């Protein structure tokens, strides 16, 4: 269905939001703080996150009119040293840029009109 998700909480009470009133993470925080693509340079076709290995795999069909790259947010808890990225595209036809300050991984893929699959795992 490709439906988006959003979570909003301004509750200062323990148990309802991602942060407790004493500013410590609640039990909800780890569920909300996991890797996800913030912007995809095309139409998403598949998204999977494996909690046991912190592996994010997603596919999308690019749009030739899109000029931006795909942007993925990676939480420090699961990706303390950045990430290892693999793509279904030929080596050298795509590139990645990592910004550790914003925890943002930018991935540029060739505009082919075909589907691209990206897999991101924590760097060792």
C-alpha atoms as a PDB file:
ATOM      1  CA  UNK A   1       0.000   0.000   0.000  1.00  0.00           C
ATOM      2  CA  UNK A   2       3.075   2.254   0.396  1.00  0.00           C
ATOM      3  CA  UNK A   3       1.409   4.076   3.286  1.00  0.00           C
ATOM      4  CA  UNK A   4       3.612   6.385   5.311  1.00  0.00           C
ATOM      5  CA  UNK A   5       3.892   6.438   9.063  1.00  0.00           C
ATOM      6  CA  UNK A   6       4.192   9.207  11.610  1.00  0.00           C
ATOM      7  CA  UNK A   7       4.296   9.293  15.381  1.00  0.00           C
ATOM      8  CA  UNK A   8       3.663  12.383  17.464  1.00  0.00           C
ATOM      9  CA  UNK A   9       3.694  12.599  21.229  1.00  0.00           C
ATOM     10  CA  UNK A  10       3.841  15.612  23.502  1.00  0.00           C
ATOM     11  CA  UNK A  11       2.931  13.551  26.564  1.00  0.00           C
ATOM     12  CA  UNK A  12       5.217  14.274  29.512  1.00  0.00           C
ATOM     13  CA  UNK A  13       3.974  11.175  31.327  1.00  0.00           C
ATOM     14  CA  UNK A  14       5.966   7.965  31.558  1.00  0.00           C
ATOM     15  CA  UNK A  15       4.892   5.161  29.246  1.00  0.00           C
ATOM     16  CA  UNK A  16       3.187   7.128  26.479  1.00  0.00           C
ATOM     17  CA  UNK A  17       6.024   8.813  24.630  1.00  0.00           C
ATOM     18  CA  UNK A  18       9.530   7.886  23.522  1.00  0.00           C
ATOM     19  CA  UNK A  19      11.038   9.783  26.461  1.00  0.00           C
ATOM     20  CA  UNK A  20      10.244   9.483  30.152  1.00  0.00           C
ATOM     21  CA  UNK A  21       9.679  12.591  32.280  1.00  0.00           C
ATOM     22  CA  UNK A  22      13.246  12.232  33.620  1.00  0.00           C
ATOM     23  CA  UNK A  23      14.576  12.486  30.017  1.00  0.00           C
ATOM     24  CA  UNK A  24      15.537   8.813  29.778  1.00  0.00           C
ATOM     25  CA  UNK A  25      14.370   6.737  26.783  1.00  0.00           C
ATOM     26  CA  UNK A  26      11.151   4.803  27.325  1.00  0.00           C
ATOM     27  CA  UNK A  27      10.467   1.273  26.057  1.00  0.00           C
ATOM     28  CA  UNK A  28       9.015   2.872  22.935  1.00  0.00           C
ATOM     29  CA  UNK A  29      12.253   4.697  21.970  1.00  0.00           C
ATOM     30  CA  UNK A  30      14.058   1.713  20.353  1.00  0.00           C
ATOM     31  CA  UNK A  31      11.025   0.959  18.197  1.00  0.00           C
ATOM     32  CA  UNK A  32      11.010   4.503  16.832  1.00  0.00           C
ATOM     33  CA  UNK A  33      14.797   4.843  16.483  1.00  0.00           C
ATOM     34  CA  UNK A  34      15.608   2.489  13.647  1.00  0.00           C
ATOM     35  CA  UNK A  35      17.055   2.994  10.202  1.00  0.00           C
ATOM     36  CA  UNK A  36      14.661   4.211   7.529  1.00  0.00           C
ATOM     37  CA  UNK A  37      14.786   5.974   4.162  1.00  0.00           C
ATOM     38  CA  UNK A  38      13.744   9.613   4.665  1.00  0.00           C
ATOM     39  CA  UNK A  39      13.656  10.369   0.952  1.00  0.00           C
ATOM     40  CA  UNK A  40      13.691   7.957  -1.975  1.00  0.00           C
ATOM     41  CA  UNK A  41      14.659   8.994  -5.525  1.00  0.00           C
ATOM     42  CA  UNK A  42      11.696   7.192  -7.059  1.00  0.00           C
ATOM     43  CA  UNK A  43       8.770   4.986  -6.136  1.00  0.00           C
ATOM     44  CA  UNK A  44       9.328   2.587  -3.200  1.00  0.00           C
ATOM     45  CA  UNK A  45       8.488  -1.032  -4.007  1.00  0.00           C
ATOM     46  CA  UNK A  46       9.781  -2.899  -0.944  1.00  0.00           C
ATOM     47  CA  UNK A  47      11.030  -2.115   2.565  1.00  0.00           C
ATOM     48  CA  UNK A  48      12.289  -4.539   5.202  1.00  0.00           C
ATOM     49  CA  UNK A  49      14.109  -3.999   8.481  1.00  0.00           C
ATOM     50  CA  UNK A  50      15.606  -6.970  10.351  1.00  0.00           C
ATOM     51  CA  UNK A  51      15.760  -6.002  14.023  1.00  0.00           C
ATOM     52  CA  UNK A  52      18.083  -8.878  14.945  1.00  0.00           C
ATOM     53  CA  UNK A  53      20.843  -7.716  12.569  1.00  0.00           C
ATOM     54  CA  UNK A  54      19.843  -4.034  12.127  1.00  0.00           C
ATOM     55  CA  UNK A  55      19.772  -4.654   8.372  1.00  0.00           C
ATOM     56  CA  UNK A  56      17.679  -2.354   6.211  1.00  0.00           C
ATOM     57  CA  UNK A  57      16.781  -3.507   2.700  1.00  0.00           C
ATOM     58  CA  UNK A  58      14.622  -1.490   0.352  1.00  0.00           C
ATOM     59  CA  UNK A  59      13.863  -1.345  -3.332  1.00  0.00           C
ATOM     60  CA  UNK A  60      12.573   1.440  -5.532  1.00  0.00           C
ATOM     61  CA  UNK A  61      11.953   2.198  -9.171  1.00  0.00           C
ATOM     62  CA  UNK A  62      13.725   5.426 -10.072  1.00  0.00           C
ATOM     63  CA  UNK A  63      12.131   8.340 -11.853  1.00  0.00           C
ATOM     64  CA  UNK A  64      14.256   9.992 -14.525  1.00  0.00           C
ATOM     65  CA  UNK A  65      12.933  13.453 -13.568  1.00  0.00           C
ATOM     66  CA  UNK A  66      14.192  13.123  -9.971  1.00  0.00           C
ATOM     67  CA  UNK A  67      17.511  14.907  -9.502  1.00  0.00           C
ATOM     68  CA  UNK A  68      18.097  14.214  -5.803  1.00  0.00           C
ATOM     69  CA  UNK A  69      19.546  11.187  -4.104  1.00  0.00           C
ATOM     70  CA  UNK A  70      18.022   8.683  -1.706  1.00  0.00           C
ATOM     71  CA  UNK A  71      18.559   9.674   1.922  1.00  0.00           C
ATOM     72  CA  UNK A  72      18.605   7.178   4.801  1.00  0.00           C
ATOM     73  CA  UNK A  73      18.738   7.982   8.523  1.00  0.00           C
ATOM     74  CA  UNK A  74      20.851   5.583  10.627  1.00  0.00           C
ATOM     75  CA  UNK A  75      20.561   5.593  14.443  1.00  0.00           C
ATOM     76  CA  UNK A  76      23.817   5.674  16.418  1.00  0.00           C
ATOM     77  CA  UNK A  77      22.695   2.764  18.596  1.00  0.00           C
ATOM     78  CA  UNK A  78      22.609   0.320  15.663  1.00  0.00           C
ATOM     79  CA  UNK A  79      25.184   2.022  13.407  1.00  0.00           C
ATOM     80  CA  UNK A  80      27.877   3.428  15.754  1.00  0.00           C
ATOM     81  CA  UNK A  81      30.601   3.191  13.067  1.00  0.00           C
ATOM     82  CA  UNK A  82      28.478   3.961  10.043  1.00  0.00           C
ATOM     83  CA  UNK A  83      27.260   1.418   7.521  1.00  0.00           C
ATOM     84  CA  UNK A  84      28.199  -1.053   4.837  1.00  0.00           C
ATOM     85  CA  UNK A  85      26.089  -0.503   1.732  1.00  0.00           C
ATOM     86  CA  UNK A  86      25.442  -2.830  -1.185  1.00  0.00           C
ATOM     87  CA  UNK A  87      23.368  -2.065  -4.251  1.00  0.00           C
ATOM     88  CA  UNK A  88      21.925  -4.093  -7.089  1.00  0.00           C
ATOM     89  CA  UNK A  89      23.492  -1.643  -9.538  1.00  0.00           C
ATOM     90  CA  UNK A  90      26.877  -2.263 -11.146  1.00  0.00           C
ATOM     91  CA  UNK A  91      29.909  -1.248  -9.070  1.00  0.00           C
ATOM     92  CA  UNK A  92      30.961   2.301  -9.892  1.00  0.00           C
ATOM     93  CA  UNK A  93      27.504   3.286 -11.186  1.00  0.00           C
ATOM     94  CA  UNK A  94      26.299   4.435  -7.769  1.00  0.00           C
ATOM     95  CA  UNK A  95      27.863   6.319  -4.875  1.00  0.00           C
ATOM     96  CA  UNK A  96      27.299   6.952  -1.202  1.00  0.00           C
ATOM     97  CA  UNK A  97      28.067   9.840   1.146  1.00  0.00           C
ATOM     98  CA  UNK A  98      27.936   9.522   4.937  1.00  0.00           C
ATOM     99  CA  UNK A  99      27.368  12.480   7.289  1.00  0.00           C
ATOM    100  CA  UNK A 100      28.011  11.223  10.848  1.00  0.00           C
ATOM    101  CA  UNK A 101      26.799  14.456  12.435  1.00  0.00           C
ATOM    102  CA  UNK A 102      23.279  14.208  10.992  1.00  0.00           C
ATOM    103  CA  UNK A 103      23.421  10.369  10.852  1.00  0.00           C
ATOM    104  CA  UNK A 104      22.418  10.683   7.193  1.00  0.00           C
ATOM    105  CA  UNK A 105      23.495   8.363   4.388  1.00  0.00           C
ATOM    106  CA  UNK A 106      22.992   9.704   0.866  1.00  0.00           C
ATOM    107  CA  UNK A 107      22.899   7.195  -2.007  1.00  0.00           C
ATOM    108  CA  UNK A 108      22.943   8.241  -5.664  1.00  0.00           C
ATOM    109  CA  UNK A 109      21.923   5.594  -8.194  1.00  0.00           C
ATOM    110  CA  UNK A 110      21.871   5.780 -11.991  1.00  0.00           C
ATOM    111  CA  UNK A 111      18.610   6.846 -13.619  1.00  0.00           C
ATOM    112  CA  UNK A 112      17.723   3.741 -15.591  1.00  0.00           C
ATOM    113  CA  UNK A 113      13.965   3.490 -15.082  1.00  0.00           C
ATOM    114  CA  UNK A 114      14.545   0.103 -13.468  1.00  0.00           C
ATOM    115  CA  UNK A 115      14.314  -1.121  -9.904  1.00  0.00           C
ATOM    116  CA  UNK A 116      17.231  -0.622  -7.496  1.00  0.00           C
ATOM    117  CA  UNK A 117      17.748  -2.626  -4.300  1.00  0.00           C
ATOM    118  CA  UNK A 118      19.843  -1.210  -1.467  1.00  0.00           C
ATOM    119  CA  UNK A 119      20.979  -3.176   1.596  1.00  0.00           C
ATOM    120  CA  UNK A 120      22.489  -1.391   4.571  1.00  0.00           C
ATOM    121  CA  UNK A 121      24.167  -3.168   7.492  1.00  0.00           C
ATOM    122  CA  UNK A 122      26.125  -1.811  10.465  1.00  0.00           C
ATOM    123  CA  UNK A 123      29.846  -1.295   9.703  1.00  0.00           C
ATOM    124  CA  UNK A 124      32.095  -3.646  11.618  1.00  0.00           C
END
